[in-house]
Amino acid sequence: MTSWPLVSHQEKALKQERAVRTRERVLNAAAKAFAVKGYPAVTISDVARSAGMTKGAVYFHYANKETLAIAVTDLFYRRIAALSDSVEELGLPPVSSVIELLVRTAVAFRDETVLQAGARLQLERQLIGARLPVPYEAYTDLITSWLARWKKTGPRDESFSPATLATVLVSAFFGTQYISWTLDSHADLPERTITMVRTIIPCAEEDIELCPSARR
């Protein structure tokens, strides 16, 4: 009876680590391709070429282009969630938290390929043969919760609706990012975002001054 050597825990850990790094490499390449070319124009060959590996290696980790789109979109929402968590940790006043989140998101859109790819995939969701998450749902809910806190100590107008204002802000922001992307490759998005907030919430000037990202 042949006795096969057992693979050590260390060897298994190294293989898993290599697999994780390879998947990250593929996802980064896919995100770059989706951001630049858009979902319909991207091929697995494009992703493999950008990642510096064979098509077979890409297919080993991701079955098709739809699977890659889902994975990049998941990265997009995890990054948005991380931005939200980082703002909550600051303990800013409610309106300042809203502004800080919007500005941090704007900076991320300007600088991070995953954010650019995720937003483009959402725009092209009807062309993707897979279900993607409902866009910006948790993001809007978080902003609504901050504005609800603000209502308790701020606006006395009974007609003021935190949910409505949150929806307006999120819609305006993602419309602004699209315009900034089209006209200036997101370079001016942080500045456009602050202007947008000043227009929608005219009383927010003091809250803007409390935002670390807005002062840079």
Protein backbone atom coordinates (compact mmCIF):
# COMPACT_ATOMS: atom_id res chain seq x y z
CA MET A 1 0.00 0.00 0.00
CA THR A 2 1.43 3.34 -1.06
CA SER A 3 1.68 5.98 1.64
CA TRP A 4 1.34 9.49 0.19
CA PRO A 5 3.01 12.33 2.07
CA LEU A 6 0.59 14.67 3.79
CA VAL A 7 0.61 18.30 2.74
CA SER A 8 1.67 20.40 5.71
CA HIS A 9 -0.50 23.16 7.13
CA GLN A 10 2.21 25.61 6.12
CA GLU A 11 2.12 24.45 2.50
CA LYS A 12 -1.69 24.72 2.47
CA ALA A 13 -1.50 28.22 3.93
CA LEU A 14 1.04 29.27 1.28
CA LYS A 15 -1.16 27.89 -1.52
CA GLN A 16 -4.18 29.71 -0.13
CA GLU A 17 -2.19 32.93 0.17
CA ARG A 18 -1.01 32.62 -3.44
CA ALA A 19 -4.59 31.97 -4.58
CA VAL A 20 -5.83 35.07 -2.73
CA ARG A 21 -3.07 37.20 -4.28
CA THR A 22 -3.88 35.83 -7.73
CA ARG A 23 -7.60 36.57 -7.33
CA GLU A 24 -6.77 40.10 -6.20
CA ARG A 25 -4.54 40.54 -9.23
CA VAL A 26 -7.30 39.36 -11.55
CA LEU A 27 -9.90 41.58 -9.87
CA ASN A 28 -7.65 44.64 -10.07
CA ALA A 29 -7.10 43.97 -13.76
CA ALA A 30 -10.84 43.47 -14.31
CA ALA A 31 -11.69 46.65 -12.43
CA LYS A 32 -9.27 48.64 -14.57
CA ALA A 33 -10.72 47.15 -17.75
CA PHE A 34 -14.34 47.76 -16.72
CA ALA A 35 -13.56 51.34 -15.65
CA VAL A 36 -11.79 52.21 -18.90
CA LYS A 37 -13.69 50.22 -21.54
CA GLY A 38 -17.06 49.42 -20.00
CA TYR A 39 -18.58 45.99 -19.46
CA PRO A 40 -19.69 45.19 -23.06
CA ALA A 41 -16.26 45.86 -24.57
CA VAL A 42 -14.19 43.93 -22.02
CA THR A 43 -13.08 40.37 -22.76
CA ILE A 44 -11.42 37.76 -20.59
CA SER A 45 -8.39 38.17 -22.85
CA ASP A 46 -8.23 41.86 -21.86
CA VAL A 47 -8.28 40.93 -18.18
CA ALA A 48 -5.67 38.19 -18.61
CA ARG A 49 -3.37 40.50 -20.58
CA SER A 50 -3.67 43.26 -17.98
CA ALA A 51 -3.05 40.80 -15.14
CA GLY A 52 -0.06 39.27 -16.93
CA MET A 53 -1.44 35.74 -16.95
CA THR A 54 -3.17 33.28 -19.26
CA LYS A 55 -6.90 33.15 -19.95
CA GLY A 56 -6.90 29.71 -18.35
CA ALA A 57 -5.55 31.15 -15.11
CA VAL A 58 -8.33 33.76 -15.08
CA TYR A 59 -10.97 31.11 -15.78
CA PHE A 60 -9.59 28.97 -12.96
CA HIS A 61 -10.69 31.64 -10.47
CA TYR A 62 -13.65 33.24 -12.29
CA ALA A 63 -15.99 31.25 -14.53
CA ASN A 64 -16.89 34.11 -16.87
CA LYS A 65 -17.08 37.86 -17.33
CA GLU A 66 -20.36 38.08 -15.39
CA THR A 67 -18.68 36.51 -12.35
CA LEU A 68 -15.90 39.08 -12.59
CA ALA A 69 -18.45 41.90 -12.76
CA ILE A 70 -20.19 40.60 -9.63
CA ALA A 71 -16.88 40.33 -7.78
CA VAL A 72 -15.80 43.87 -8.76
CA THR A 73 -19.20 45.23 -7.75
CA ASP A 74 -18.86 43.46 -4.39
CA LEU A 75 -15.46 45.13 -3.93
CA PHE A 76 -17.08 48.47 -4.78
CA TYR A 77 -19.71 48.12 -2.06
CA ARG A 78 -17.22 46.85 0.49
CA ARG A 79 -15.10 49.94 -0.16
CA ILE A 80 -18.17 52.19 0.22
CA ALA A 81 -18.97 50.42 3.51
CA ALA A 82 -15.39 50.97 4.73
CA LEU A 83 -15.67 54.68 3.92
CA SER A 84 -18.94 54.84 5.86
CA ASP A 85 -17.38 53.10 8.87
CA SER A 86 -14.39 55.45 8.83
CA VAL A 87 -16.69 58.48 8.98
CA GLU A 88 -18.82 57.05 11.79
CA GLU A 89 -15.67 56.52 13.85
CA LEU A 90 -14.96 60.27 13.73
CA GLY A 91 -18.01 61.08 15.85
CA LEU A 92 -18.83 64.24 13.90
CA PRO A 93 -22.17 66.07 14.15
CA PRO A 94 -24.81 64.54 11.86
CA VAL A 95 -24.63 66.98 8.93
CA SER A 96 -20.82 67.04 9.12
CA SER A 97 -20.88 63.23 8.93
CA VAL A 98 -22.99 63.40 5.77
CA ILE A 99 -20.66 65.91 4.15
CA GLU A 100 -17.52 64.04 5.21
CA LEU A 101 -18.87 60.81 3.74
CA LEU A 102 -19.76 62.48 0.44
CA VAL A 103 -16.37 64.17 0.16
CA ARG A 104 -14.45 61.00 1.09
CA THR A 105 -16.46 59.11 -1.50
CA ALA A 106 -15.66 61.81 -4.05
CA VAL A 107 -11.93 61.51 -3.33
CA ALA A 108 -12.17 57.72 -3.64
CA PHE A 109 -13.93 58.04 -6.99
CA ARG A 110 -11.17 60.35 -8.15
CA ASP A 111 -8.32 58.11 -6.99
CA GLU A 112 -9.50 54.48 -6.89
CA THR A 113 -10.13 52.27 -9.90
CA VAL A 114 -12.49 49.94 -8.02
CA LEU A 115 -14.87 52.82 -7.30
CA GLN A 116 -14.76 53.97 -10.91
CA ALA A 117 -15.38 50.42 -12.15
CA GLY A 118 -18.21 49.77 -9.69
CA ALA A 119 -20.06 52.94 -10.66
CA ARG A 120 -19.72 52.15 -14.36
CA LEU A 121 -20.96 48.60 -13.84
CA GLN A 122 -24.03 49.96 -12.07
CA LEU A 123 -24.75 52.20 -15.04
CA GLU A 124 -24.40 49.19 -17.34
CA ARG A 125 -26.27 46.75 -15.09
CA GLN A 126 -28.92 46.02 -17.75
CA LEU A 127 -26.16 44.72 -20.03
CA ILE A 128 -24.80 42.27 -17.44
CA GLY A 129 -26.28 38.79 -17.38
CA ALA A 130 -26.32 38.64 -13.59
CA ARG A 131 -28.13 40.35 -10.73
CA LEU A 132 -26.24 43.14 -9.02
CA PRO A 133 -27.15 44.67 -5.64
CA VAL A 134 -29.70 47.49 -5.57
CA PRO A 135 -27.55 50.61 -6.08
CA TYR A 136 -26.60 52.77 -3.09
CA GLU A 137 -29.30 51.42 -0.76
CA ALA A 138 -27.21 51.11 2.42
CA TYR A 139 -25.44 54.39 1.59
CA THR A 140 -28.77 56.24 1.45
CA ASP A 141 -30.03 54.53 4.63
CA LEU A 142 -26.94 55.65 6.56
CA ILE A 143 -27.29 59.26 5.41
CA THR A 144 -31.00 59.11 6.31
CA SER A 145 -30.11 57.99 9.85
CA TRP A 146 -27.68 60.91 10.29
CA LEU A 147 -30.24 63.40 8.98
CA ALA A 148 -32.88 61.94 11.31
CA ARG A 149 -30.55 62.70 14.24
CA TRP A 150 -30.08 66.22 12.87
CA LYS A 151 -33.85 66.76 12.70
CA LYS A 152 -34.13 66.19 16.46
CA THR A 153 -31.93 69.20 17.20
CA GLY A 154 -31.94 71.16 13.92
CA PRO A 155 -34.76 71.99 11.51
CA ARG A 156 -38.12 72.66 13.18
CA ASP A 157 -40.01 72.37 9.92
CA GLU A 158 -42.38 69.43 10.31
CA SER A 159 -42.38 68.90 6.55
CA PHE A 160 -38.63 68.17 6.60
CA SER A 161 -38.04 64.54 5.65
CA PRO A 162 -34.61 62.98 6.37
CA ALA A 163 -35.32 60.18 3.88
CA THR A 164 -36.24 62.62 1.11
CA LEU A 165 -33.20 64.83 1.70
CA ALA A 166 -30.94 61.75 1.80
CA THR A 167 -32.35 60.55 -1.50
CA VAL A 168 -31.83 63.98 -3.06
CA LEU A 169 -28.23 64.17 -1.79
CA VAL A 170 -27.31 60.68 -2.98
CA SER A 171 -28.97 61.21 -6.36
CA ALA A 172 -27.24 64.58 -6.76
CA PHE A 173 -23.88 63.17 -5.72
CA PHE A 174 -23.91 60.22 -8.10
CA GLY A 175 -25.17 62.47 -10.87
CA THR A 176 -22.34 64.86 -10.07
CA GLN A 177 -19.77 62.06 -10.19
CA TYR A 178 -21.05 61.03 -13.61
CA ILE A 179 -20.72 64.60 -14.93
CA SER A 180 -17.28 64.97 -13.35
CA TRP A 181 -16.21 61.63 -14.84
CA THR A 182 -17.46 62.64 -18.29
CA LEU A 183 -15.95 66.13 -18.29
CA ASP A 184 -12.85 65.82 -16.14
CA SER A 185 -12.14 62.14 -15.31
CA HIS A 186 -13.29 62.77 -11.70
CA ALA A 187 -10.45 65.26 -11.11
CA ASP A 188 -12.79 68.00 -9.84
CA LEU A 189 -15.31 65.76 -8.06
CA PRO A 190 -14.43 66.77 -4.46
CA GLU A 191 -14.89 70.46 -5.30
CA ARG A 192 -18.12 69.77 -7.19
CA THR A 193 -19.38 67.78 -4.19
CA ILE A 194 -18.84 70.63 -1.73
CA THR A 195 -20.60 73.04 -4.11
CA MET A 196 -23.49 70.59 -4.38
CA VAL A 197 -23.84 70.34 -0.60
CA ARG A 198 -23.76 74.13 -0.21
CA THR A 199 -26.59 74.37 -2.74
CA ILE A 200 -28.81 71.64 -1.28
CA ILE A 201 -28.15 72.44 2.40
CA PRO A 202 -27.50 76.21 2.51
CA CYS A 203 -27.10 76.18 6.31
CA ALA A 204 -24.28 73.62 6.20
CA GLU A 205 -21.30 76.02 6.07
CA GLU A 206 -20.31 75.46 9.72
CA ASP A 207 -20.64 71.71 9.23
CA ILE A 208 -18.35 71.86 6.20
CA GLU A 209 -15.71 73.57 8.34
CA LEU A 210 -15.76 70.58 10.73
CA CYS A 211 -15.03 68.06 7.96
CA PRO A 212 -11.36 66.99 7.73
CA SER A 213 -11.64 66.06 4.05
CA ALA A 214 -13.31 69.33 3.08
CA ARG A 215 -10.43 71.35 4.56
CA ARG A 216 -7.71 69.71 2.43
